Amino acid sequence: PDEFRLITQRGLDRRRLVLETITLRKEKEMLRENFAAIVSHELKSPLGAVQQNLFVLEYELEDKLNEEQKEKIERMKSKINDLINLIHTWLRVISVDVKKLQESFKPTSIPAVISKAVENVQPQAIRKNIEIVPTVQEPLRLVNGDEGTLVEVVGNILGNGIKFSREGSRILIKAEEKENTLIISIADTGIGISKEDLPFIFEDFYTGDTGQVVEKSSGLGLAIAKR
C-alpha cells in the first residue's frame, strides 16, 4: 500500500539523516584535530626556532650591542612570546572537547577553585597594583566539574578584569548559593562593555573598541571561558 511505502520511505530518510549527521560530526572532529596539528607544527616550531636563535644571538653579541639594539631585541623577543602565547591559547580553544571533559568531572570545591585562580593571576594584578578581594559564602556545596578547567575559566575572567581596570583599583570575586544555584560573580572598575559590543564578547578574537589604551588582548580569554 502507498501508506506503508510512505512510512517506510520516511523511516529510511530519517536513518540516512542520522548517519549523515554522525559522519559530519566525525569529519568535523578530524578537521579540528588536523588543524591543531598543522598549527602546532607549521607555526609553533618555526617560532620556537626563531626564539632560540634570537637568544643565542643576544648572548654572543651581548658585549657589542648598544642600548638601542638591546631594546630592539627585547621588543622582538616580546613579539615572539606574544605570538607563541596566542597559538597556545588558540590551540586550547579548538581542542576543548566538552564530552571528553565531562568524563573527568568529579566533586569540586569552588573556594579552592577561586583561591587557585586568584593565585594564578596575582602577578598580573601586582604589576598594576590591583587588589583582588574574594568573598566566599560558607559552607558551599561541592559542584560536579573539572577543577583545572574551572580554575582556567575563573582565571580568564579575572585576567580580563585586570586588563581593563585602572591601576590601584580593586576586583571583587564572590561565590554564593542562591535557590540551589551556585553563583560566582566578578566585579571590577574597568571601562565597561558597550551595548554594541555585548552580544559579541564571547566570540573568538573579538576585542571590541574600548576607546582607551589598554593592555593588548588576544580576544580569546572569554571565548575559552564560555566553552
N, C-alpha and C. Protein backbone atom coordinates (compact mmCIF):
# COMPACT_ATOMS: atom_id res chain seq x y z
N PRO A 1 0.84 -1.21 0.00
CA PRO A 1 0.00 0.00 0.00
C PRO A 1 0.87 1.26 0.00
N ASP A 2 0.31 2.30 -0.58
CA ASP A 2 1.06 3.56 -0.66
C ASP A 2 1.42 4.09 0.72
N GLU A 3 0.50 3.95 1.68
CA GLU A 3 0.75 4.46 3.03
C GLU A 3 1.94 3.75 3.67
N PHE A 4 2.03 2.43 3.47
CA PHE A 4 3.14 1.67 4.03
C PHE A 4 4.46 2.08 3.39
N ARG A 5 4.45 2.29 2.05
CA ARG A 5 5.67 2.71 1.35
C ARG A 5 6.11 4.09 1.84
N LEU A 6 5.14 4.97 2.09
CA LEU A 6 5.46 6.32 2.56
C LEU A 6 6.10 6.29 3.94
N ILE A 7 5.55 5.47 4.85
CA ILE A 7 6.09 5.33 6.20
C ILE A 7 7.50 4.75 6.14
N THR A 8 7.67 3.73 5.27
CA THR A 8 8.98 3.10 5.13
C THR A 8 10.02 4.09 4.60
N GLN A 9 9.58 4.89 3.59
CA GLN A 9 10.49 5.87 3.00
C GLN A 9 10.90 6.93 4.02
N ARG A 10 9.95 7.37 4.83
CA ARG A 10 10.25 8.37 5.87
C ARG A 10 11.25 7.81 6.88
N GLY A 11 11.04 6.53 7.24
CA GLY A 11 11.97 5.90 8.18
C GLY A 11 13.36 5.80 7.61
N LEU A 12 13.45 5.44 6.32
CA LEU A 12 14.77 5.36 5.66
C LEU A 12 15.42 6.74 5.56
N ASP A 13 14.61 7.77 5.29
CA ASP A 13 15.14 9.14 5.19
C ASP A 13 15.71 9.60 6.54
N ARG A 14 14.96 9.28 7.62
CA ARG A 14 15.43 9.66 8.97
C ARG A 14 16.75 8.96 9.28
N ARG A 15 16.81 7.68 8.94
CA ARG A 15 18.04 6.90 9.21
C ARG A 15 19.22 7.50 8.42
N ARG A 16 18.95 7.87 7.16
CA ARG A 16 20.01 8.44 6.33
C ARG A 16 20.49 9.77 6.94
N LEU A 17 19.55 10.60 7.43
CA LEU A 17 19.91 11.87 8.03
C LEU A 17 20.75 11.68 9.30
N VAL A 18 20.36 10.67 10.10
CA VAL A 18 21.12 10.38 11.32
C VAL A 18 22.54 9.96 10.97
N LEU A 19 22.68 9.07 9.98
CA LEU A 19 24.01 8.59 9.57
C LEU A 19 24.85 9.74 9.01
N GLU A 20 24.21 10.64 8.23
CA GLU A 20 24.93 11.79 7.67
C GLU A 20 25.40 12.72 8.78
N THR A 21 24.54 12.90 9.79
CA THR A 21 24.89 13.77 10.91
C THR A 21 26.09 13.21 11.68
N ILE A 22 26.06 11.90 11.94
CA ILE A 22 27.18 11.24 12.64
C ILE A 22 28.46 11.37 11.83
N THR A 23 28.35 11.16 10.51
CA THR A 23 29.52 11.28 9.63
C THR A 23 30.08 12.70 9.66
N LEU A 24 29.20 13.69 9.60
CA LEU A 24 29.64 15.09 9.63
C LEU A 24 30.34 15.42 10.94
N ARG A 25 29.82 14.89 12.05
CA ARG A 25 30.45 15.13 13.35
C ARG A 25 31.85 14.55 13.39
N LYS A 26 31.98 13.32 12.85
CA LYS A 26 33.30 12.67 12.83
C LYS A 26 34.27 13.45 11.95
N GLU A 27 33.78 13.92 10.80
CA GLU A 27 34.63 14.70 9.90
C GLU A 27 35.05 16.01 10.55
N LYS A 28 34.11 16.64 11.27
CA LYS A 28 34.41 17.89 11.96
C LYS A 28 35.50 17.67 13.02
N GLU A 29 35.39 16.56 13.75
CA GLU A 29 36.37 16.23 14.78
C GLU A 29 37.74 15.99 14.15
N MET A 30 37.77 15.29 13.02
CA MET A 30 39.04 15.03 12.33
C MET A 30 39.65 16.33 11.83
N LEU A 31 38.83 17.22 11.28
CA LEU A 31 39.32 18.51 10.79
C LEU A 31 39.91 19.32 11.93
N ARG A 32 39.24 19.30 13.07
CA ARG A 32 39.72 20.05 14.23
C ARG A 32 41.07 19.52 14.69
N GLU A 33 41.19 18.20 14.77
CA GLU A 33 42.46 17.60 15.20
C GLU A 33 43.58 17.87 14.20
N ASN A 34 43.25 17.77 12.90
CA ASN A 34 44.25 18.03 11.87
C ASN A 34 44.70 19.48 11.88
N PHE A 35 43.73 20.38 12.08
CA PHE A 35 44.06 21.81 12.12
C PHE A 35 44.97 22.11 13.30
N ALA A 36 44.67 21.50 14.44
CA ALA A 36 45.51 21.71 15.63
C ALA A 36 46.93 21.23 15.37
N ALA A 37 47.05 20.08 14.69
CA ALA A 37 48.38 19.55 14.39
C ALA A 37 49.14 20.45 13.43
N ILE A 38 48.43 20.99 12.43
CA ILE A 38 49.07 21.89 11.46
C ILE A 38 49.54 23.17 12.13
N VAL A 39 48.65 23.74 12.96
CA VAL A 39 49.00 24.97 13.67
C VAL A 39 50.22 24.74 14.55
N SER A 40 50.21 23.61 15.27
CA SER A 40 51.30 23.31 16.19
C SER A 40 52.62 23.16 15.45
N HIS A 41 52.59 22.43 14.32
CA HIS A 41 53.84 22.14 13.61
C HIS A 41 54.30 23.31 12.75
N GLU A 42 53.38 23.88 11.97
CA GLU A 42 53.75 24.90 10.99
C GLU A 42 53.99 26.27 11.60
N LEU A 43 53.45 26.53 12.77
CA LEU A 43 53.63 27.85 13.39
C LEU A 43 54.50 27.81 14.64
N LYS A 44 54.18 26.90 15.54
CA LYS A 44 54.93 26.85 16.80
C LYS A 44 56.40 26.50 16.59
N SER A 45 56.65 25.52 15.75
CA SER A 45 58.03 25.06 15.55
C SER A 45 58.95 26.16 14.99
N PRO A 46 58.55 26.84 13.89
CA PRO A 46 59.41 27.92 13.38
C PRO A 46 59.59 29.06 14.38
N LEU A 47 58.53 29.41 15.08
CA LEU A 47 58.64 30.50 16.06
C LEU A 47 59.59 30.10 17.19
N GLY A 48 59.51 28.85 17.60
CA GLY A 48 60.42 28.37 18.63
C GLY A 48 61.87 28.43 18.18
N ALA A 49 62.09 28.10 16.89
CA ALA A 49 63.45 28.16 16.35
C ALA A 49 63.96 29.59 16.29
N VAL A 50 63.09 30.51 15.86
CA VAL A 50 63.46 31.93 15.81
C VAL A 50 63.78 32.44 17.21
N GLN A 51 62.96 32.06 18.16
CA GLN A 51 63.16 32.49 19.55
C GLN A 51 64.50 31.99 20.08
N GLN A 52 64.81 30.72 19.81
CA GLN A 52 66.06 30.13 20.28
C GLN A 52 67.27 30.82 19.65
N ASN A 53 67.21 31.06 18.34
CA ASN A 53 68.31 31.72 17.64
C ASN A 53 68.51 33.16 18.13
N LEU A 54 67.41 33.80 18.48
CA LEU A 54 67.49 35.17 18.99
C LEU A 54 68.21 35.21 20.34
N PHE A 55 67.91 34.23 21.19
CA PHE A 55 68.59 34.14 22.48
C PHE A 55 70.10 33.90 22.29
N VAL A 56 70.44 33.02 21.34
CA VAL A 56 71.85 32.73 21.06
C VAL A 56 72.55 33.97 20.54
N LEU A 57 71.89 34.67 19.61
CA LEU A 57 72.46 35.89 19.04
C LEU A 57 72.69 36.95 20.12
N GLU A 58 71.71 37.10 20.99
CA GLU A 58 71.82 38.08 22.07
C GLU A 58 72.99 37.74 23.00
N TYR A 59 73.15 36.45 23.28
CA TYR A 59 74.23 36.00 24.17
C TYR A 59 75.60 36.24 23.54
N GLU A 60 75.72 35.91 22.24
CA GLU A 60 77.01 36.03 21.57
C GLU A 60 77.43 37.48 21.35
N LEU A 61 76.44 38.37 21.19
CA LEU A 61 76.74 39.78 20.91
C LEU A 61 76.52 40.68 22.12
N GLU A 62 76.36 40.08 23.28
CA GLU A 62 75.99 40.84 24.48
C GLU A 62 76.89 42.05 24.71
N ASP A 63 78.21 41.90 24.58
CA ASP A 63 79.14 42.99 24.86
C ASP A 63 79.25 43.99 23.72
N LYS A 64 78.69 43.66 22.56
CA LYS A 64 78.85 44.52 21.39
C LYS A 64 77.59 45.34 21.09
N LEU A 65 76.50 45.07 21.78
CA LEU A 65 75.24 45.75 21.49
C LEU A 65 75.12 47.05 22.28
N ASN A 66 74.64 48.10 21.61
CA ASN A 66 74.35 49.34 22.33
C ASN A 66 72.92 49.26 22.89
N GLU A 67 72.50 50.27 23.64
CA GLU A 67 71.20 50.23 24.32
C GLU A 67 70.04 50.15 23.33
N GLU A 68 70.15 50.87 22.23
CA GLU A 68 69.08 50.86 21.23
C GLU A 68 68.92 49.47 20.63
N GLN A 69 70.03 48.84 20.32
CA GLN A 69 69.99 47.48 19.76
C GLN A 69 69.43 46.48 20.76
N LYS A 70 69.78 46.63 22.03
CA LYS A 70 69.26 45.74 23.07
C LYS A 70 67.74 45.89 23.20
N GLU A 71 67.26 47.14 23.11
CA GLU A 71 65.82 47.39 23.20
C GLU A 71 65.08 46.75 22.02
N LYS A 72 65.69 46.83 20.83
CA LYS A 72 65.06 46.22 19.65
C LYS A 72 64.95 44.71 19.81
N ILE A 73 66.01 44.09 20.33
CA ILE A 73 65.99 42.64 20.56
C ILE A 73 64.93 42.28 21.59
N GLU A 74 64.81 43.08 22.64
CA GLU A 74 63.80 42.82 23.66
C GLU A 74 62.39 42.91 23.07
N ARG A 75 62.19 43.89 22.17
CA ARG A 75 60.87 44.02 21.53
C ARG A 75 60.58 42.82 20.64
N MET A 76 61.62 42.35 19.93
CA MET A 76 61.46 41.16 19.09
C MET A 76 61.10 39.95 19.93
N LYS A 77 61.79 39.77 21.06
CA LYS A 77 61.50 38.65 21.95
C LYS A 77 60.08 38.73 22.49
N SER A 78 59.66 39.95 22.82
CA SER A 78 58.31 40.15 23.34
C SER A 78 57.25 39.80 22.30
N LYS A 79 57.47 40.22 21.05
CA LYS A 79 56.51 39.93 19.98
C LYS A 79 56.42 38.42 19.71
N ILE A 80 57.58 37.76 19.72
CA ILE A 80 57.58 36.31 19.50
C ILE A 80 56.84 35.60 20.63
N ASN A 81 57.06 36.03 21.87
CA ASN A 81 56.35 35.45 23.02
C ASN A 81 54.85 35.64 22.88
N ASP A 82 54.44 36.85 22.41
CA ASP A 82 53.01 37.12 22.22
C ASP A 82 52.41 36.16 21.20
N LEU A 83 53.14 35.91 20.10
CA LEU A 83 52.65 35.01 19.06
C LEU A 83 52.55 33.57 19.56
N ILE A 84 53.57 33.14 20.30
CA ILE A 84 53.56 31.77 20.84
C ILE A 84 52.40 31.60 21.84
N ASN A 85 52.20 32.60 22.69
CA ASN A 85 51.09 32.55 23.65
C ASN A 85 49.74 32.54 22.94
N LEU A 86 49.64 33.31 21.85
CA LEU A 86 48.40 33.34 21.08
C LEU A 86 48.11 31.97 20.47
N ILE A 87 49.14 31.33 19.95
CA ILE A 87 48.98 29.98 19.36
C ILE A 87 48.55 28.98 20.43
N HIS A 88 49.19 29.03 21.60
CA HIS A 88 48.81 28.13 22.70
C HIS A 88 47.35 28.34 23.08
N THR A 89 46.95 29.61 23.15
CA THR A 89 45.57 29.93 23.54
C THR A 89 44.59 29.43 22.49
N TRP A 90 44.91 29.65 21.22
CA TRP A 90 44.02 29.21 20.14
C TRP A 90 43.91 27.69 20.09
N LEU A 91 45.04 27.01 20.32
CA LEU A 91 45.00 25.55 20.37
C LEU A 91 44.11 25.08 21.50
N ARG A 92 44.13 25.81 22.60
CA ARG A 92 43.27 25.48 23.73
C ARG A 92 41.80 25.62 23.34
N VAL A 93 41.49 26.66 22.56
CA VAL A 93 40.11 26.90 22.13
C VAL A 93 39.60 25.76 21.26
N ILE A 94 40.40 25.38 20.25
CA ILE A 94 39.91 24.38 19.29
C ILE A 94 40.01 22.96 19.82
N SER A 95 40.74 22.77 20.92
CA SER A 95 40.90 21.40 21.43
C SER A 95 39.92 21.05 22.54
N VAL A 96 39.09 22.02 22.94
CA VAL A 96 38.13 21.74 24.02
C VAL A 96 37.08 20.75 23.52
N ASP A 97 37.01 19.62 24.16
CA ASP A 97 36.02 18.59 23.85
C ASP A 97 35.14 18.41 25.08
N VAL A 98 33.94 18.99 25.01
CA VAL A 98 33.05 19.00 26.17
C VAL A 98 32.71 17.60 26.65
N LYS A 99 32.45 16.69 25.71
CA LYS A 99 32.07 15.33 26.10
C LYS A 99 33.20 14.63 26.84
N LYS A 100 34.43 14.77 26.33
CA LYS A 100 35.57 14.14 26.99
C LYS A 100 35.83 14.80 28.34
N LEU A 101 35.60 16.12 28.38
CA LEU A 101 35.81 16.86 29.62
C LEU A 101 34.85 16.39 30.71
N GLN A 102 33.60 16.13 30.31
CA GLN A 102 32.60 15.69 31.27
C GLN A 102 32.95 14.35 31.91
N GLU A 103 33.72 13.55 31.19
CA GLU A 103 34.12 12.24 31.72
C GLU A 103 35.05 12.38 32.93
N SER A 104 35.72 13.53 33.05
CA SER A 104 36.66 13.74 34.15
C SER A 104 36.02 14.53 35.31
N PHE A 105 34.72 14.80 35.19
CA PHE A 105 34.04 15.56 36.25
C PHE A 105 34.06 14.80 37.57
N LYS A 106 34.24 15.54 38.65
CA LYS A 106 34.17 14.97 39.99
C LYS A 106 33.81 16.08 40.97
N PRO A 107 33.39 15.74 42.21
CA PRO A 107 33.04 16.78 43.18
C PRO A 107 34.21 17.76 43.39
N THR A 108 33.92 19.03 43.22
CA THR A 108 34.97 20.06 43.22
C THR A 108 34.62 21.19 44.17
N SER A 109 35.62 21.67 44.89
CA SER A 109 35.44 22.78 45.83
C SER A 109 35.59 24.12 45.12
N ILE A 110 34.55 24.93 45.14
CA ILE A 110 34.62 26.24 44.50
C ILE A 110 35.57 27.20 45.24
N PRO A 111 35.59 27.20 46.59
CA PRO A 111 36.59 28.04 47.27
C PRO A 111 38.02 27.72 46.83
N ALA A 112 38.32 26.42 46.62
CA ALA A 112 39.65 26.02 46.16
C ALA A 112 39.90 26.52 44.73
N VAL A 113 38.88 26.46 43.90
CA VAL A 113 39.00 26.95 42.52
C VAL A 113 39.31 28.44 42.51
N ILE A 114 38.57 29.20 43.31
CA ILE A 114 38.78 30.65 43.36
C ILE A 114 40.17 30.98 43.89
N SER A 115 40.58 30.27 44.94
CA SER A 115 41.90 30.51 45.53
C SER A 115 43.01 30.29 44.51
N LYS A 116 42.93 29.20 43.75
CA LYS A 116 43.96 28.89 42.75
C LYS A 116 43.92 29.89 41.59
N ALA A 117 42.72 30.28 41.18
CA ALA A 117 42.60 31.24 40.08
C ALA A 117 43.19 32.59 40.47
N VAL A 118 42.90 33.02 41.69
CA VAL A 118 43.45 34.30 42.19
C VAL A 118 44.97 34.22 42.26
N GLU A 119 45.47 33.10 42.74
CA GLU A 119 46.93 32.91 42.84
C GLU A 119 47.59 32.99 41.46
N ASN A 120 46.92 32.41 40.45
CA ASN A 120 47.48 32.40 39.09
C ASN A 120 47.58 33.79 38.47
N VAL A 121 46.61 34.65 38.77
CA VAL A 121 46.61 35.99 38.15
C VAL A 121 47.25 37.05 39.04
N GLN A 122 47.71 36.64 40.23
CA GLN A 122 48.27 37.60 41.18
C GLN A 122 49.45 38.41 40.60
N PRO A 123 50.40 37.77 39.88
CA PRO A 123 51.49 38.56 39.30
C PRO A 123 51.00 39.65 38.36
N GLN A 124 49.98 39.33 37.57
CA GLN A 124 49.39 40.30 36.65
C GLN A 124 48.74 41.45 37.43
N ALA A 125 48.08 41.12 38.54
CA ALA A 125 47.43 42.14 39.37
C ALA A 125 48.47 43.02 40.07
N ILE A 126 49.54 42.41 40.56
CA ILE A 126 50.58 43.16 41.27
C ILE A 126 51.21 44.21 40.37
N ARG A 127 51.41 43.86 39.10
CA ARG A 127 52.02 44.81 38.16
C ARG A 127 51.21 46.09 38.03
N LYS A 128 49.89 45.99 38.25
CA LYS A 128 49.04 47.18 38.15
C LYS A 128 48.55 47.65 39.52
N ASN A 129 49.15 47.06 40.57
CA ASN A 129 48.77 47.43 41.94
C ASN A 129 47.26 47.27 42.16
N ILE A 130 46.72 46.16 41.65
CA ILE A 130 45.29 45.87 41.78
C ILE A 130 45.08 44.82 42.87
N GLU A 131 44.14 45.09 43.75
CA GLU A 131 43.83 44.16 44.84
C GLU A 131 42.63 43.29 44.43
N ILE A 132 42.78 41.98 44.59
CA ILE A 132 41.68 41.05 44.32
C ILE A 132 41.10 40.61 45.65
N VAL A 133 39.81 40.85 45.83
CA VAL A 133 39.16 40.59 47.11
C VAL A 133 38.12 39.48 46.96
N PRO A 134 38.43 38.26 47.44
CA PRO A 134 37.46 37.17 47.36
C PRO A 134 36.50 37.20 48.56
N THR A 135 35.23 36.91 48.29
CA THR A 135 34.24 36.74 49.34
C THR A 135 33.48 35.45 49.06
N VAL A 136 33.66 34.47 49.93
CA VAL A 136 33.06 33.15 49.70
C VAL A 136 32.09 32.82 50.82
N GLN A 137 30.85 32.55 50.43
CA GLN A 137 29.84 32.15 51.40
C GLN A 137 30.15 30.74 51.89
N GLU A 138 30.18 30.57 53.20
CA GLU A 138 30.48 29.25 53.77
C GLU A 138 29.26 28.74 54.54
N PRO A 139 28.98 27.44 54.47
CA PRO A 139 29.65 26.45 53.60
C PRO A 139 29.04 26.45 52.21
N LEU A 140 29.84 26.10 51.22
CA LEU A 140 29.35 25.93 49.85
C LEU A 140 29.41 24.45 49.50
N ARG A 141 28.35 23.96 48.87
CA ARG A 141 28.35 22.55 48.47
C ARG A 141 29.36 22.33 47.34
N LEU A 142 29.82 21.11 47.20
CA LEU A 142 30.71 20.76 46.10
C LEU A 142 29.93 20.75 44.79
N VAL A 143 30.59 21.08 43.70
CA VAL A 143 29.95 21.03 42.39
C VAL A 143 30.63 19.95 41.55
N ASN A 144 29.89 19.40 40.61
CA ASN A 144 30.44 18.37 39.74
C ASN A 144 31.12 19.03 38.55
N GLY A 145 32.45 18.93 38.48
CA GLY A 145 33.16 19.61 37.39
C GLY A 145 34.63 19.21 37.35
N ASP A 146 35.35 19.84 36.44
CA ASP A 146 36.79 19.61 36.30
C ASP A 146 37.51 20.81 36.92
N GLU A 147 38.25 20.57 38.00
CA GLU A 147 38.86 21.68 38.74
C GLU A 147 39.79 22.52 37.87
N GLY A 148 40.65 21.87 37.10
CA GLY A 148 41.60 22.61 36.27
C GLY A 148 40.92 23.53 35.29
N THR A 149 39.85 23.04 34.66
CA THR A 149 39.12 23.86 33.70
C THR A 149 38.41 25.02 34.38
N LEU A 150 37.82 24.76 35.55
CA LEU A 150 37.14 25.82 36.29
C LEU A 150 38.12 26.91 36.73
N VAL A 151 39.32 26.48 37.16
CA VAL A 151 40.36 27.45 37.54
C VAL A 151 40.72 28.32 36.33
N GLU A 152 40.82 27.69 35.16
CA GLU A 152 41.16 28.43 33.95
C GLU A 152 40.06 29.42 33.58
N VAL A 153 38.80 28.99 33.69
CA VAL A 153 37.66 29.85 33.36
C VAL A 153 37.64 31.09 34.27
N VAL A 154 37.71 30.85 35.59
CA VAL A 154 37.69 31.96 36.55
C VAL A 154 38.92 32.85 36.34
N GLY A 155 40.07 32.23 36.09
CA GLY A 155 41.30 32.99 35.87
C GLY A 155 41.22 33.86 34.63
N ASN A 156 40.60 33.35 33.55
CA ASN A 156 40.45 34.13 32.33
C ASN A 156 39.59 35.37 32.56
N ILE A 157 38.51 35.20 33.31
CA ILE A 157 37.62 36.34 33.57
C ILE A 157 38.29 37.34 34.51
N LEU A 158 39.00 36.84 35.51
CA LEU A 158 39.76 37.74 36.38
C LEU A 158 40.84 38.49 35.59
N GLY A 159 41.54 37.76 34.74
CA GLY A 159 42.58 38.37 33.92
C GLY A 159 42.02 39.45 33.01
N ASN A 160 40.83 39.19 32.48
CA ASN A 160 40.17 40.18 31.64
C ASN A 160 39.85 41.44 32.46
N GLY A 161 39.40 41.21 33.70
CA GLY A 161 39.09 42.35 34.58
C GLY A 161 40.33 43.17 34.91
N ILE A 162 41.42 42.48 35.18
CA ILE A 162 42.69 43.17 35.48
C ILE A 162 43.14 43.99 34.28
N LYS A 163 43.01 43.40 33.11
CA LYS A 163 43.49 44.05 31.88
C LYS A 163 42.79 45.38 31.64
N PHE A 164 41.50 45.45 31.97
CA PHE A 164 40.73 46.64 31.65
C PHE A 164 40.45 47.53 32.87
N SER A 165 41.06 47.21 34.00
CA SER A 165 40.86 48.02 35.22
C SER A 165 41.99 49.04 35.37
N ARG A 166 41.67 50.10 36.08
CA ARG A 166 42.67 51.14 36.34
C ARG A 166 43.69 50.65 37.35
N GLU A 167 44.88 51.19 37.29
CA GLU A 167 45.92 50.87 38.28
C GLU A 167 45.46 51.31 39.66
N GLY A 168 45.79 50.47 40.66
CA GLY A 168 45.44 50.80 42.04
C GLY A 168 43.99 50.55 42.40
N SER A 169 43.25 49.86 41.54
CA SER A 169 41.82 49.61 41.81
C SER A 169 41.63 48.25 42.48
N ARG A 170 40.37 47.83 42.62
CA ARG A 170 40.05 46.55 43.27
C ARG A 170 39.14 45.73 42.37
N ILE A 171 39.30 44.42 42.47
CA ILE A 171 38.40 43.48 41.78
C ILE A 171 37.79 42.58 42.83
N LEU A 172 36.48 42.50 42.82
CA LEU A 172 35.76 41.70 43.80
C LEU A 172 35.28 40.40 43.15
N ILE A 173 35.55 39.28 43.79
CA ILE A 173 35.05 37.99 43.30
C ILE A 173 34.25 37.35 44.44
N LYS A 174 33.04 36.97 44.14
CA LYS A 174 32.13 36.47 45.18
C LYS A 174 31.52 35.14 44.75
N ALA A 175 31.44 34.22 45.70
CA ALA A 175 30.79 32.92 45.46
C ALA A 175 29.70 32.73 46.50
N GLU A 176 28.51 32.42 46.03
CA GLU A 176 27.38 32.23 46.95
C GLU A 176 26.37 31.28 46.32
N GLU A 177 25.49 30.77 47.17
CA GLU A 177 24.45 29.85 46.69
C GLU A 177 23.10 30.50 46.87
N LYS A 178 22.34 30.55 45.76
CA LYS A 178 21.01 31.14 45.79
C LYS A 178 20.03 30.19 45.10
N GLU A 179 18.99 29.83 45.84
CA GLU A 179 17.94 28.97 45.30
C GLU A 179 18.53 27.74 44.60
N ASN A 180 19.41 27.07 45.30
CA ASN A 180 20.03 25.83 44.84
C ASN A 180 20.92 26.02 43.60
N THR A 181 21.33 27.27 43.36
CA THR A 181 22.24 27.57 42.25
C THR A 181 23.48 28.25 42.80
N LEU A 182 24.64 27.74 42.44
CA LEU A 182 25.90 28.34 42.90
C LEU A 182 26.33 29.42 41.91
N ILE A 183 26.55 30.62 42.42
CA ILE A 183 26.85 31.78 41.57
C ILE A 183 28.24 32.33 41.91
N ILE A 184 29.06 32.48 40.88
CA ILE A 184 30.35 33.16 41.03
C ILE A 184 30.25 34.47 40.25
N SER A 185 30.43 35.58 40.94
CA SER A 185 30.34 36.89 40.28
C SER A 185 31.65 37.64 40.45
N ILE A 186 32.05 38.36 39.42
CA ILE A 186 33.29 39.13 39.43
C ILE A 186 32.96 40.56 39.02
N ALA A 187 33.36 41.51 39.85
CA ALA A 187 33.09 42.92 39.58
C ALA A 187 34.40 43.70 39.61
N ASP A 188 34.58 44.55 38.60
CA ASP A 188 35.80 45.36 38.55
C ASP A 188 35.44 46.81 38.26
N THR A 189 36.44 47.65 38.21
CA THR A 189 36.22 49.08 37.95
C THR A 189 36.72 49.42 36.55
N GLY A 190 36.59 48.46 35.65
CA GLY A 190 37.06 48.66 34.27
C GLY A 190 36.20 49.64 33.51
N ILE A 191 36.51 49.78 32.22
CA ILE A 191 35.83 50.77 31.40
C ILE A 191 34.44 50.32 30.96
N GLY A 192 34.10 49.07 31.25
CA GLY A 192 32.78 48.57 30.91
C GLY A 192 32.67 48.09 29.47
N ILE A 193 31.53 47.52 29.14
CA ILE A 193 31.28 46.98 27.80
C ILE A 193 30.11 47.71 27.18
N SER A 194 30.29 48.21 25.98
CA SER A 194 29.21 48.95 25.31
C SER A 194 28.10 48.00 24.90
N LYS A 195 26.91 48.53 24.72
CA LYS A 195 25.77 47.72 24.28
C LYS A 195 26.03 47.09 22.92
N GLU A 196 26.78 47.82 22.08
CA GLU A 196 27.08 47.30 20.74
C GLU A 196 28.00 46.09 20.80
N ASP A 197 28.94 46.09 21.78
CA ASP A 197 29.91 45.00 21.88
C ASP A 197 29.37 43.79 22.64
N LEU A 198 28.41 44.01 23.52
CA LEU A 198 27.93 42.98 24.44
C LEU A 198 27.56 41.66 23.77
N PRO A 199 26.85 41.67 22.62
CA PRO A 199 26.46 40.37 22.02
C PRO A 199 27.65 39.57 21.47
N PHE A 200 28.82 40.19 21.36
CA PHE A 200 29.93 39.53 20.67
C PHE A 200 31.13 39.20 21.57
N ILE A 201 31.02 39.50 22.87
CA ILE A 201 32.21 39.40 23.73
C ILE A 201 32.74 37.97 23.88
N PHE A 202 31.90 36.96 23.60
CA PHE A 202 32.36 35.57 23.72
C PHE A 202 32.78 34.98 22.37
N GLU A 203 32.82 35.82 21.33
CA GLU A 203 33.26 35.35 20.02
C GLU A 203 34.79 35.27 19.97
N ASP A 204 35.30 34.30 19.21
CA ASP A 204 36.75 34.15 19.06
C ASP A 204 37.36 35.42 18.47
N PHE A 205 38.44 35.90 19.09
CA PHE A 205 39.24 37.03 18.63
C PHE A 205 38.53 38.39 18.70
N TYR A 206 37.34 38.44 19.32
CA TYR A 206 36.64 39.73 19.40
C TYR A 206 37.18 40.54 20.56
N THR A 207 37.62 41.76 20.28
CA THR A 207 38.16 42.62 21.34
C THR A 207 37.34 43.88 21.54
N GLY A 208 36.54 44.26 20.56
CA GLY A 208 35.72 45.45 20.72
C GLY A 208 36.55 46.72 20.64
N ASP A 209 35.85 47.84 20.67
CA ASP A 209 36.51 49.14 20.62
C ASP A 209 36.34 49.82 21.96
N THR A 210 37.40 49.80 22.78
CA THR A 210 37.32 50.37 24.12
C THR A 210 37.41 51.88 24.11
N GLY A 211 38.04 52.43 23.07
CA GLY A 211 38.21 53.87 23.04
C GLY A 211 39.32 54.35 23.95
N GLN A 212 39.98 53.41 24.62
CA GLN A 212 41.07 53.76 25.53
C GLN A 212 42.25 52.84 25.29
N VAL A 213 43.41 53.29 25.72
CA VAL A 213 44.61 52.47 25.59
C VAL A 213 44.65 51.48 26.75
N VAL A 214 44.58 50.20 26.43
CA VAL A 214 44.63 49.16 27.46
C VAL A 214 45.63 48.11 27.03
N GLU A 215 45.84 47.12 27.89
CA GLU A 215 46.75 46.04 27.54
C GLU A 215 46.24 45.30 26.30
N LYS A 216 47.18 44.81 25.52
CA LYS A 216 46.84 44.08 24.32
C LYS A 216 46.07 42.81 24.67
N SER A 217 45.06 42.48 23.87
CA SER A 217 44.24 41.31 24.14
C SER A 217 44.18 40.41 22.92
N SER A 218 44.20 39.08 23.17
CA SER A 218 44.08 38.13 22.06
C SER A 218 42.63 37.98 21.62
N GLY A 219 41.69 38.37 22.48
CA GLY A 219 40.28 38.20 22.16
C GLY A 219 39.80 36.77 22.32
N LEU A 220 40.57 35.96 23.07
CA LEU A 220 40.22 34.55 23.23
C LEU A 220 39.88 34.16 24.67
N GLY A 221 40.22 35.01 25.63
CA GLY A 221 40.02 34.66 27.04
C GLY A 221 38.58 34.32 27.37
N LEU A 222 37.65 35.19 26.96
CA LEU A 222 36.24 34.95 27.26
C LEU A 222 35.67 33.83 26.38
N ALA A 223 36.23 33.66 25.18
CA ALA A 223 35.78 32.56 24.31
C ALA A 223 36.08 31.22 24.96
N ILE A 224 37.27 31.11 25.57
CA ILE A 224 37.64 29.87 26.28
C ILE A 224 36.74 29.69 27.49
N ALA A 225 36.48 30.77 28.21
CA ALA A 225 35.63 30.69 29.40
C ALA A 225 34.24 30.17 29.04
N LYS A 226 33.68 30.63 27.92
CA LYS A 226 32.35 30.19 27.51
C LYS A 226 32.34 28.71 27.17
N ARG A 227 33.39 28.25 26.46
CA ARG A 227 33.44 26.83 26.08
C ARG A 227 33.52 25.94 27.29
